[in-house]
């Protein structure tokens, strides 16, 4: 009986050790399994809809980011990009942009630089045409980096009270939290 218990304990110990060896390691700063950058952007839109009501996403009058926008406006070389998603406002009076990019290995600095340039372009553009909080929104925008991923976040909803100060920091923080929730 003692041998059976000892043998059973040894088998259990080997199973526990073996299960640790076969567990898939998750890399920090990578998107959770089965998720894409489009899923990350959709999560951000979901958070905006929860906060501001159905039909309200992160970007007003969104136009999907395509390869031409990525190269011509976001200053990115498509050879530096593995995957991208997001949108920008097609309204001339709105600086909204939510662009998500997975850089190829070793190219995150180039991607970050391109997105920073796009942000500075938006600030310059809306400095000349500061309507609907677009200048303040562009100024408040951030390029947020997680590992090989970079996000241009230029979003925010104007307060209902026209005399209230314009502050988009809460919306920016909400976007970053939504992004973080989709990563390991």
N, C-alpha and C. Protein backbone atom coordinates (compact mmCIF):
# COMPACT_ATOMS: atom_id res chain seq x y z
N UNK A 1 0.82 -1.18 0.00
CA UNK A 1 0.00 0.00 0.00
C UNK A 1 0.87 1.26 0.00
N UNK A 2 1.95 1.20 0.81
CA UNK A 2 2.86 2.34 0.90
C UNK A 2 3.52 2.60 -0.45
N UNK A 3 3.85 1.51 -1.19
CA UNK A 3 4.46 1.65 -2.53
C UNK A 3 3.48 2.30 -3.51
N UNK A 4 2.23 1.95 -3.42
CA UNK A 4 1.21 2.52 -4.32
C UNK A 4 1.08 4.01 -4.08
N UNK A 5 1.04 4.40 -2.80
CA UNK A 5 0.92 5.83 -2.47
C UNK A 5 2.16 6.57 -2.93
N UNK A 6 3.34 6.00 -2.71
CA UNK A 6 4.59 6.63 -3.13
C UNK A 6 4.63 6.75 -4.65
N UNK A 7 4.23 5.72 -5.35
CA UNK A 7 4.20 5.74 -6.82
C UNK A 7 3.20 6.79 -7.32
N UNK A 8 2.04 6.83 -6.70
CA UNK A 8 1.02 7.81 -7.09
C UNK A 8 1.52 9.23 -6.87
N UNK A 9 2.19 9.45 -5.75
CA UNK A 9 2.73 10.78 -5.45
C UNK A 9 3.80 11.15 -6.47
N UNK A 10 4.63 10.20 -6.86
CA UNK A 10 5.68 10.46 -7.86
C UNK A 10 5.06 10.81 -9.21
N UNK A 11 4.02 10.07 -9.59
CA UNK A 11 3.34 10.35 -10.86
C UNK A 11 2.71 11.74 -10.82
N UNK A 12 2.07 12.09 -9.72
CA UNK A 12 1.45 13.41 -9.57
C UNK A 12 2.51 14.51 -9.67
N UNK A 13 3.64 14.30 -9.03
CA UNK A 13 4.71 15.29 -9.06
C UNK A 13 5.22 15.48 -10.49
N UNK A 14 5.37 14.38 -11.24
CA UNK A 14 5.83 14.48 -12.63
C UNK A 14 4.80 15.21 -13.48
N UNK A 15 3.52 14.97 -13.28
CA UNK A 15 2.46 15.65 -14.04
C UNK A 15 2.46 17.15 -13.76
N UNK A 16 2.63 17.52 -12.51
CA UNK A 16 2.68 18.94 -12.15
C UNK A 16 3.88 19.60 -12.82
N UNK A 17 5.04 18.96 -12.76
CA UNK A 17 6.23 19.51 -13.40
C UNK A 17 6.07 19.59 -14.92
N UNK A 18 5.51 18.55 -15.50
CA UNK A 18 5.33 18.52 -16.96
C UNK A 18 4.34 19.58 -17.40
N UNK A 19 3.29 19.80 -16.64
CA UNK A 19 2.31 20.81 -17.05
C UNK A 19 2.93 22.20 -17.07
N UNK A 20 3.86 22.46 -16.17
CA UNK A 20 4.56 23.74 -16.17
C UNK A 20 5.43 23.90 -17.39
N UNK A 21 5.99 22.83 -17.88
CA UNK A 21 6.86 22.88 -19.05
C UNK A 21 6.08 23.13 -20.33
N UNK A 22 4.83 22.72 -20.36
CA UNK A 22 4.06 22.81 -21.60
C UNK A 22 3.13 24.01 -21.64
N UNK A 23 3.10 24.80 -20.58
CA UNK A 23 2.26 25.98 -20.61
C UNK A 23 2.86 26.98 -21.58
N UNK A 24 1.97 27.60 -22.35
CA UNK A 24 2.41 28.60 -23.31
C UNK A 24 2.77 29.89 -22.56
N UNK A 25 3.94 30.37 -22.80
CA UNK A 25 4.35 31.62 -22.17
C UNK A 25 3.77 32.77 -22.99
N UNK A 26 3.24 33.76 -22.29
CA UNK A 26 2.73 34.94 -22.97
C UNK A 26 3.76 36.05 -22.82
N UNK A 27 4.07 36.65 -23.92
CA UNK A 27 5.02 37.75 -23.93
C UNK A 27 4.32 39.02 -23.47
N UNK A 28 4.94 39.79 -22.60
CA UNK A 28 4.33 41.06 -22.21
C UNK A 28 4.30 42.00 -23.42
N UNK A 29 3.37 42.92 -23.40
CA UNK A 29 3.21 43.91 -24.46
C UNK A 29 2.91 43.30 -25.82
N UNK A 30 2.17 42.19 -25.80
CA UNK A 30 1.64 41.60 -27.04
C UNK A 30 0.14 41.49 -26.90
N UNK A 31 -0.55 41.55 -28.01
CA UNK A 31 -2.00 41.44 -28.00
C UNK A 31 -2.38 40.03 -27.56
N UNK A 32 -3.45 39.95 -26.78
CA UNK A 32 -3.92 38.66 -26.30
C UNK A 32 -4.23 37.73 -27.47
N UNK A 33 -4.05 36.42 -27.23
CA UNK A 33 -4.30 35.42 -28.28
C UNK A 33 -5.68 35.60 -28.90
N UNK A 34 -5.72 35.44 -30.20
CA UNK A 34 -6.99 35.51 -30.92
C UNK A 34 -7.49 36.91 -31.18
N UNK A 35 -6.74 37.94 -30.76
CA UNK A 35 -7.16 39.33 -30.95
C UNK A 35 -6.27 39.99 -32.00
N UNK A 36 -6.81 41.01 -32.63
CA UNK A 36 -6.08 41.76 -33.65
C UNK A 36 -6.11 43.24 -33.29
N UNK A 37 -5.40 44.05 -34.05
CA UNK A 37 -5.46 45.49 -33.84
C UNK A 37 -6.87 46.03 -34.07
N UNK A 38 -7.59 45.44 -35.00
CA UNK A 38 -8.99 45.84 -35.22
C UNK A 38 -9.82 45.60 -33.97
N UNK A 39 -9.55 44.50 -33.27
CA UNK A 39 -10.25 44.21 -32.02
C UNK A 39 -9.91 45.25 -30.95
N UNK A 40 -8.67 45.70 -30.92
CA UNK A 40 -8.26 46.72 -29.96
C UNK A 40 -9.01 48.02 -30.24
N UNK A 41 -9.07 48.42 -31.50
CA UNK A 41 -9.78 49.64 -31.88
C UNK A 41 -11.27 49.51 -31.55
N UNK A 42 -11.85 48.34 -31.80
CA UNK A 42 -13.26 48.11 -31.48
C UNK A 42 -13.50 48.21 -29.98
N UNK A 43 -12.56 47.76 -29.16
CA UNK A 43 -12.68 47.87 -27.71
C UNK A 43 -12.69 49.34 -27.29
N UNK A 44 -11.87 50.15 -27.90
CA UNK A 44 -11.85 51.58 -27.60
C UNK A 44 -13.21 52.19 -27.96
N UNK A 45 -13.72 51.87 -29.14
CA UNK A 45 -15.04 52.39 -29.55
C UNK A 45 -16.13 51.95 -28.58
N UNK A 46 -16.04 50.72 -28.11
CA UNK A 46 -17.01 50.19 -27.14
C UNK A 46 -17.00 51.03 -25.86
N UNK A 47 -15.81 51.39 -25.39
CA UNK A 47 -15.70 52.20 -24.18
C UNK A 47 -16.30 53.59 -24.39
N UNK A 48 -16.09 54.17 -25.56
CA UNK A 48 -16.69 55.48 -25.85
C UNK A 48 -18.21 55.37 -25.88
N UNK A 49 -18.73 54.32 -26.48
CA UNK A 49 -20.19 54.12 -26.54
C UNK A 49 -20.76 53.93 -25.14
N UNK A 50 -20.04 53.21 -24.28
CA UNK A 50 -20.50 53.02 -22.90
C UNK A 50 -20.54 54.35 -22.15
N UNK A 51 -19.56 55.20 -22.40
CA UNK A 51 -19.47 56.47 -21.67
C UNK A 51 -20.38 57.55 -22.26
N UNK A 52 -20.45 57.62 -23.59
CA UNK A 52 -21.14 58.74 -24.24
C UNK A 52 -22.44 58.35 -24.95
N UNK A 53 -22.77 57.07 -24.94
CA UNK A 53 -24.01 56.64 -25.56
C UNK A 53 -23.78 55.90 -26.87
N UNK A 54 -24.71 55.02 -27.17
CA UNK A 54 -24.64 54.19 -28.39
C UNK A 54 -24.45 55.07 -29.61
N UNK A 55 -23.61 54.62 -30.52
CA UNK A 55 -23.34 55.36 -31.75
C UNK A 55 -22.19 56.34 -31.63
N UNK A 56 -21.66 56.50 -30.43
CA UNK A 56 -20.52 57.38 -30.23
C UNK A 56 -19.26 56.54 -30.12
N UNK A 57 -18.37 56.69 -31.09
CA UNK A 57 -17.09 56.01 -31.05
C UNK A 57 -16.00 57.00 -30.70
N UNK A 58 -14.78 56.55 -30.75
CA UNK A 58 -13.64 57.40 -30.40
C UNK A 58 -13.42 58.49 -31.44
N UNK A 59 -13.79 58.22 -32.69
CA UNK A 59 -13.54 59.16 -33.79
C UNK A 59 -14.87 59.60 -34.39
N UNK A 60 -15.05 60.92 -34.48
CA UNK A 60 -16.26 61.46 -35.10
C UNK A 60 -16.16 61.34 -36.62
N UNK A 61 -17.23 60.88 -37.24
CA UNK A 61 -17.27 60.69 -38.70
C UNK A 61 -16.03 59.91 -39.17
N UNK A 62 -15.90 58.67 -38.70
CA UNK A 62 -14.66 57.92 -38.97
C UNK A 62 -14.48 57.48 -40.41
N UNK A 63 -13.26 57.56 -40.83
CA UNK A 63 -12.82 57.03 -42.12
C UNK A 63 -11.71 56.04 -41.79
N UNK A 64 -11.82 54.83 -42.31
CA UNK A 64 -10.85 53.79 -41.98
C UNK A 64 -9.47 54.11 -42.54
N UNK A 65 -8.46 53.87 -41.72
CA UNK A 65 -7.08 54.07 -42.15
C UNK A 65 -6.76 53.06 -43.24
N UNK A 66 -6.20 53.53 -44.34
CA UNK A 66 -5.77 52.63 -45.41
C UNK A 66 -4.28 52.87 -45.66
N UNK A 67 -3.74 52.13 -46.59
CA UNK A 67 -2.30 52.22 -46.86
C UNK A 67 -1.89 53.62 -47.30
N UNK A 68 -2.73 54.28 -48.10
CA UNK A 68 -2.40 55.63 -48.56
C UNK A 68 -2.32 56.60 -47.38
N UNK A 69 -3.28 56.52 -46.48
CA UNK A 69 -3.26 57.39 -45.30
C UNK A 69 -2.00 57.11 -44.47
N UNK A 70 -1.71 55.83 -44.30
CA UNK A 70 -0.55 55.43 -43.50
C UNK A 70 0.74 56.03 -44.05
N UNK A 71 0.91 55.99 -45.35
CA UNK A 71 2.16 56.49 -45.94
C UNK A 71 2.13 58.01 -46.15
N UNK A 72 1.02 58.54 -46.66
CA UNK A 72 0.97 59.96 -47.01
C UNK A 72 0.75 60.89 -45.82
N UNK A 73 -0.02 60.46 -44.84
CA UNK A 73 -0.35 61.33 -43.72
C UNK A 73 0.32 60.92 -42.42
N UNK A 74 0.48 59.63 -42.19
CA UNK A 74 1.10 59.16 -40.95
C UNK A 74 2.61 58.97 -41.11
N UNK A 75 3.12 59.27 -42.29
CA UNK A 75 4.57 59.28 -42.53
C UNK A 75 5.23 57.93 -42.24
N UNK A 76 4.54 56.84 -42.56
CA UNK A 76 5.09 55.51 -42.31
C UNK A 76 5.48 54.83 -43.61
N UNK A 77 6.56 54.09 -43.55
CA UNK A 77 7.00 53.26 -44.66
C UNK A 77 6.32 51.91 -44.47
N UNK A 78 5.58 51.46 -45.48
CA UNK A 78 4.84 50.20 -45.32
C UNK A 78 5.78 49.02 -45.04
N UNK A 79 7.05 49.15 -45.37
CA UNK A 79 8.03 48.10 -45.08
C UNK A 79 8.31 48.00 -43.57
N UNK A 80 7.93 49.02 -42.80
CA UNK A 80 8.14 49.03 -41.36
C UNK A 80 6.94 48.50 -40.58
N UNK A 81 5.85 48.21 -41.30
CA UNK A 81 4.57 47.91 -40.65
C UNK A 81 4.15 46.47 -40.91
N UNK A 82 3.80 45.75 -39.82
CA UNK A 82 3.26 44.39 -39.93
C UNK A 82 1.74 44.41 -40.06
N UNK A 83 1.10 45.27 -39.28
CA UNK A 83 -0.37 45.31 -39.21
C UNK A 83 -0.77 46.72 -38.79
N UNK A 84 -1.96 47.14 -39.23
CA UNK A 84 -2.48 48.44 -38.79
C UNK A 84 -4.00 48.41 -38.79
N UNK A 85 -4.56 49.33 -38.04
CA UNK A 85 -6.01 49.48 -37.98
C UNK A 85 -6.28 50.88 -37.43
N UNK A 86 -7.52 51.28 -37.52
CA UNK A 86 -7.91 52.56 -36.92
C UNK A 86 -8.68 53.42 -37.87
N UNK A 87 -8.92 54.64 -37.41
CA UNK A 87 -9.68 55.59 -38.22
C UNK A 87 -9.26 57.01 -37.87
N UNK A 88 -9.68 57.92 -38.73
CA UNK A 88 -9.46 59.34 -38.55
C UNK A 88 -10.74 60.03 -38.98
N UNK A 89 -10.94 61.24 -38.51
CA UNK A 89 -12.17 61.95 -38.86
C UNK A 89 -12.10 62.47 -40.27
N UNK A 90 -13.17 62.21 -41.02
CA UNK A 90 -13.22 62.76 -42.38
C UNK A 90 -13.80 64.17 -42.38
N UNK A 91 -14.15 64.69 -41.20
CA UNK A 91 -14.63 66.06 -41.08
C UNK A 91 -13.45 67.02 -41.05
N UNK A 92 -13.55 68.08 -41.82
CA UNK A 92 -12.47 69.07 -41.86
C UNK A 92 -12.37 69.86 -40.56
N UNK A 93 -13.41 69.77 -39.72
CA UNK A 93 -13.41 70.53 -38.48
C UNK A 93 -13.08 69.68 -37.26
N UNK A 94 -12.57 68.47 -37.48
CA UNK A 94 -12.31 67.58 -36.36
C UNK A 94 -10.96 66.89 -36.53
N UNK A 95 -10.15 66.94 -35.49
CA UNK A 95 -8.80 66.37 -35.55
C UNK A 95 -8.73 64.93 -35.08
N UNK A 96 -9.87 64.30 -34.77
CA UNK A 96 -9.87 62.93 -34.25
C UNK A 96 -9.04 61.96 -35.09
N UNK A 97 -8.28 61.13 -34.40
CA UNK A 97 -7.53 60.04 -35.04
C UNK A 97 -7.22 58.99 -33.99
N UNK A 98 -7.44 57.75 -34.35
CA UNK A 98 -7.03 56.62 -33.52
C UNK A 98 -6.38 55.61 -34.47
N UNK A 99 -5.07 55.60 -34.47
CA UNK A 99 -4.31 54.76 -35.40
C UNK A 99 -3.48 53.78 -34.60
N UNK A 100 -3.63 52.50 -34.90
CA UNK A 100 -2.91 51.42 -34.22
C UNK A 100 -1.98 50.74 -35.22
N UNK A 101 -0.72 50.60 -34.85
CA UNK A 101 0.27 50.03 -35.78
C UNK A 101 1.13 49.01 -35.04
N UNK A 102 1.28 47.84 -35.65
CA UNK A 102 2.27 46.87 -35.17
C UNK A 102 3.49 47.03 -36.08
N UNK A 103 4.59 47.40 -35.47
CA UNK A 103 5.83 47.60 -36.23
C UNK A 103 6.52 46.26 -36.45
N UNK A 104 7.23 46.18 -37.56
CA UNK A 104 8.10 45.02 -37.77
C UNK A 104 9.22 45.09 -36.75
N UNK A 105 9.83 43.95 -36.49
CA UNK A 105 10.92 43.89 -35.52
C UNK A 105 11.98 44.94 -35.84
N UNK A 106 12.35 45.69 -34.81
CA UNK A 106 13.39 46.71 -34.97
C UNK A 106 12.91 48.01 -35.58
N UNK A 107 11.62 48.15 -35.87
CA UNK A 107 11.12 49.34 -36.57
C UNK A 107 10.20 50.21 -35.72
N UNK A 108 10.08 49.91 -34.42
CA UNK A 108 9.14 50.67 -33.58
C UNK A 108 9.53 52.14 -33.51
N UNK A 109 10.81 52.45 -33.49
CA UNK A 109 11.21 53.86 -33.42
C UNK A 109 10.78 54.62 -34.67
N UNK A 110 10.89 54.00 -35.84
CA UNK A 110 10.46 54.64 -37.08
C UNK A 110 8.95 54.85 -37.08
N UNK A 111 8.21 53.86 -36.59
CA UNK A 111 6.74 53.97 -36.52
C UNK A 111 6.35 55.07 -35.54
N UNK A 112 6.98 55.08 -34.38
CA UNK A 112 6.68 56.12 -33.39
C UNK A 112 6.96 57.50 -33.97
N UNK A 113 8.09 57.64 -34.65
CA UNK A 113 8.46 58.92 -35.25
C UNK A 113 7.41 59.38 -36.27
N UNK A 114 6.93 58.46 -37.10
CA UNK A 114 5.91 58.81 -38.08
C UNK A 114 4.61 59.26 -37.43
N UNK A 115 4.20 58.56 -36.38
CA UNK A 115 2.96 58.93 -35.69
C UNK A 115 3.12 60.25 -34.93
N UNK A 116 4.29 60.48 -34.37
CA UNK A 116 4.56 61.77 -33.72
C UNK A 116 4.49 62.92 -34.74
N UNK A 117 5.00 62.66 -35.93
CA UNK A 117 4.94 63.67 -37.00
C UNK A 117 3.49 63.94 -37.39
N UNK A 118 2.67 62.89 -37.46
CA UNK A 118 1.25 63.09 -37.78
C UNK A 118 0.57 63.92 -36.71
N UNK A 119 0.90 63.65 -35.46
CA UNK A 119 0.31 64.43 -34.36
C UNK A 119 0.71 65.90 -34.49
N UNK A 120 1.98 66.17 -34.76
CA UNK A 120 2.42 67.57 -34.90
C UNK A 120 1.77 68.22 -36.12
N UNK A 121 1.53 67.45 -37.19
CA UNK A 121 0.82 67.99 -38.36
C UNK A 121 -0.61 68.41 -37.97
N UNK A 122 -1.27 67.58 -37.16
CA UNK A 122 -2.64 67.91 -36.72
C UNK A 122 -2.65 69.16 -35.85
N UNK A 123 -1.67 69.29 -34.95
CA UNK A 123 -1.58 70.48 -34.12
C UNK A 123 -1.41 71.71 -35.01
N UNK A 124 -0.51 71.65 -35.97
CA UNK A 124 -0.27 72.79 -36.86
C UNK A 124 -1.51 73.11 -37.70
N UNK A 125 -2.17 72.10 -38.20
CA UNK A 125 -3.37 72.29 -39.03
C UNK A 125 -4.48 72.97 -38.24
N UNK A 126 -4.74 72.48 -37.04
CA UNK A 126 -5.87 73.00 -36.28
C UNK A 126 -5.52 74.24 -35.46
N UNK A 127 -4.25 74.60 -35.39
CA UNK A 127 -3.88 75.88 -34.80
C UNK A 127 -4.43 77.00 -35.68
N UNK A 128 -4.47 76.76 -36.97
CA UNK A 128 -4.99 77.73 -37.93
C UNK A 128 -6.52 77.69 -38.03
N UNK A 129 -7.12 76.60 -37.53
CA UNK A 129 -8.57 76.40 -37.68
C UNK A 129 -9.10 75.74 -36.41
N UNK A 130 -9.07 76.47 -35.28
CA UNK A 130 -9.36 75.86 -33.98
C UNK A 130 -10.85 75.80 -33.63
N UNK A 131 -11.60 74.99 -34.34
CA UNK A 131 -13.04 74.87 -34.07
C UNK A 131 -13.33 73.53 -33.39
N UNK A 132 -14.43 73.49 -32.65
CA UNK A 132 -14.91 72.26 -32.00
C UNK A 132 -13.86 71.57 -31.11
N UNK A 133 -12.95 72.34 -30.56
CA UNK A 133 -11.94 71.75 -29.69
C UNK A 133 -10.86 70.96 -30.41
N UNK A 134 -10.82 71.08 -31.73
CA UNK A 134 -9.87 70.27 -32.49
C UNK A 134 -8.42 70.62 -32.21
N UNK A 135 -8.14 71.90 -31.97
CA UNK A 135 -6.76 72.29 -31.66
C UNK A 135 -6.35 71.71 -30.31
N UNK A 136 -7.21 71.87 -29.32
CA UNK A 136 -6.93 71.33 -27.99
C UNK A 136 -6.82 69.80 -28.01
N UNK A 137 -7.68 69.17 -28.81
CA UNK A 137 -7.66 67.70 -28.94
C UNK A 137 -6.33 67.25 -29.54
N UNK A 138 -5.89 67.93 -30.59
CA UNK A 138 -4.61 67.58 -31.22
C UNK A 138 -3.45 67.79 -30.26
N UNK A 139 -3.49 68.91 -29.52
CA UNK A 139 -2.44 69.17 -28.54
C UNK A 139 -2.42 68.10 -27.44
N UNK A 140 -3.58 67.63 -27.03
CA UNK A 140 -3.69 66.64 -25.95
C UNK A 140 -3.33 65.24 -26.42
N UNK A 141 -3.30 65.03 -27.72
CA UNK A 141 -3.05 63.70 -28.26
C UNK A 141 -1.72 63.12 -27.82
N UNK A 142 -1.63 61.81 -27.93
CA UNK A 142 -0.41 61.11 -27.52
C UNK A 142 -0.08 59.99 -28.49
N UNK A 143 1.19 59.67 -28.56
CA UNK A 143 1.62 58.43 -29.19
C UNK A 143 1.97 57.50 -28.04
N UNK A 144 1.24 56.39 -27.98
CA UNK A 144 1.35 55.43 -26.88
C UNK A 144 1.99 54.17 -27.43
N UNK A 145 3.10 53.72 -26.80
CA UNK A 145 3.85 52.58 -27.30
C UNK A 145 3.79 51.44 -26.29
N UNK A 146 3.51 50.24 -26.81
CA UNK A 146 3.52 49.01 -26.01
C UNK A 146 4.29 47.97 -26.82
N UNK A 147 5.54 47.73 -26.44
CA UNK A 147 6.35 46.76 -27.16
C UNK A 147 6.53 47.16 -28.61
N UNK A 148 6.08 46.31 -29.54
CA UNK A 148 6.20 46.58 -30.98
C UNK A 148 4.96 47.26 -31.55
N UNK A 149 4.13 47.81 -30.68
CA UNK A 149 2.88 48.45 -31.09
C UNK A 149 2.91 49.93 -30.73
N UNK A 150 2.39 50.75 -31.63
CA UNK A 150 2.28 52.18 -31.36
C UNK A 150 0.87 52.64 -31.74
N UNK A 151 0.36 53.58 -30.95
CA UNK A 151 -0.99 54.07 -31.13
C UNK A 151 -0.97 55.60 -31.15
N UNK A 152 -1.54 56.19 -32.18
CA UNK A 152 -1.76 57.63 -32.18
C UNK A 152 -3.15 57.84 -31.63
N UNK A 153 -3.24 58.54 -30.51
CA UNK A 153 -4.51 58.76 -29.83
C UNK A 153 -4.80 60.26 -29.82
N UNK A 154 -5.67 60.70 -30.70
CA UNK A 154 -6.13 62.08 -30.75
C UNK A 154 -7.66 61.99 -30.73
N UNK A 155 -8.21 61.95 -29.52
CA UNK A 155 -9.64 61.75 -29.34
C UNK A 155 -10.12 62.60 -28.17
N UNK A 156 -11.42 62.72 -28.06
CA UNK A 156 -12.01 63.40 -26.92
C UNK A 156 -13.33 64.03 -27.29
N UNK A 157 -14.24 64.00 -26.34
CA UNK A 157 -15.57 64.57 -26.54
C UNK A 157 -15.64 65.90 -25.81
N UNK A 158 -16.15 66.89 -26.52
CA UNK A 158 -16.30 68.22 -25.94
C UNK A 158 -17.33 68.19 -24.82
N UNK A 159 -17.13 69.00 -23.78
CA UNK A 159 -18.13 69.07 -22.71
C UNK A 159 -19.43 69.68 -23.23
N UNK A 160 -20.54 69.28 -22.62
CA UNK A 160 -21.84 69.83 -23.02
C UNK A 160 -21.94 71.33 -22.74
N UNK A 161 -21.33 71.75 -21.65
CA UNK A 161 -21.36 73.15 -21.25
C UNK A 161 -20.30 73.92 -22.06
N UNK A 162 -20.73 74.87 -22.91
CA UNK A 162 -19.76 75.59 -23.73
C UNK A 162 -18.78 76.44 -22.93
N UNK A 163 -19.10 76.73 -21.65
CA UNK A 163 -18.20 77.53 -20.81
C UNK A 163 -17.24 76.66 -20.00
N UNK A 164 -17.44 75.35 -20.05
CA UNK A 164 -16.57 74.44 -19.30
C UNK A 164 -15.19 74.38 -19.95
N UNK A 165 -14.16 74.20 -19.14
CA UNK A 165 -12.82 74.07 -19.73
C UNK A 165 -12.72 72.79 -20.56
N UNK A 166 -11.95 72.87 -21.62
CA UNK A 166 -11.76 71.72 -22.50
C UNK A 166 -10.59 70.89 -21.97
N UNK A 167 -10.89 69.64 -21.63
CA UNK A 167 -9.86 68.75 -21.09
C UNK A 167 -10.14 67.34 -21.60
N UNK A 168 -9.23 66.83 -22.40
CA UNK A 168 -9.43 65.50 -22.99
C UNK A 168 -8.62 64.42 -22.28
N UNK A 169 -7.98 64.76 -21.17
CA UNK A 169 -7.11 63.79 -20.50
C UNK A 169 -7.87 62.55 -20.02
N UNK A 170 -9.11 62.71 -19.58
CA UNK A 170 -9.89 61.56 -19.13
C UNK A 170 -10.18 60.59 -20.29
N UNK A 171 -10.50 61.15 -21.46
CA UNK A 171 -10.76 60.31 -22.63
C UNK A 171 -9.48 59.62 -23.10
N UNK A 172 -8.37 60.32 -23.06
CA UNK A 172 -7.08 59.72 -23.45
C UNK A 172 -6.75 58.56 -22.49
N UNK A 173 -6.95 58.79 -21.20
CA UNK A 173 -6.69 57.74 -20.21
C UNK A 173 -7.61 56.53 -20.43
N UNK A 174 -8.86 56.79 -20.81
CA UNK A 174 -9.81 55.70 -21.08
C UNK A 174 -9.33 54.87 -22.28
N UNK A 175 -8.83 55.53 -23.30
CA UNK A 175 -8.32 54.83 -24.49
C UNK A 175 -7.12 53.96 -24.11
N UNK A 176 -6.19 54.51 -23.35
CA UNK A 176 -5.01 53.76 -22.95
C UNK A 176 -5.39 52.55 -22.09
N UNK A 177 -6.38 52.71 -21.21
CA UNK A 177 -6.84 51.59 -20.38
C UNK A 177 -7.49 50.52 -21.25
N UNK A 178 -8.27 50.93 -22.26
CA UNK A 178 -8.89 49.96 -23.17
C UNK A 178 -7.82 49.21 -23.96
N UNK A 179 -6.80 49.92 -24.42
CA UNK A 179 -5.69 49.28 -25.14
C UNK A 179 -5.00 48.27 -24.21
N UNK A 180 -4.67 48.72 -23.00
CA UNK A 180 -3.99 47.85 -22.04
C UNK A 180 -4.78 46.58 -21.76
N UNK A 181 -6.11 46.69 -21.72
CA UNK A 181 -6.95 45.53 -21.42
C UNK A 181 -6.88 44.45 -22.50
N UNK A 182 -6.42 44.81 -23.67
CA UNK A 182 -6.33 43.86 -24.80
C UNK A 182 -4.95 43.24 -24.94
N UNK A 183 -4.03 43.61 -24.04
CA UNK A 183 -2.65 43.12 -24.10
C UNK A 183 -2.35 42.19 -22.93
N UNK A 184 -1.34 41.32 -23.15
CA UNK A 184 -0.86 40.44 -22.08
C UNK A 184 -0.07 41.25 -21.07
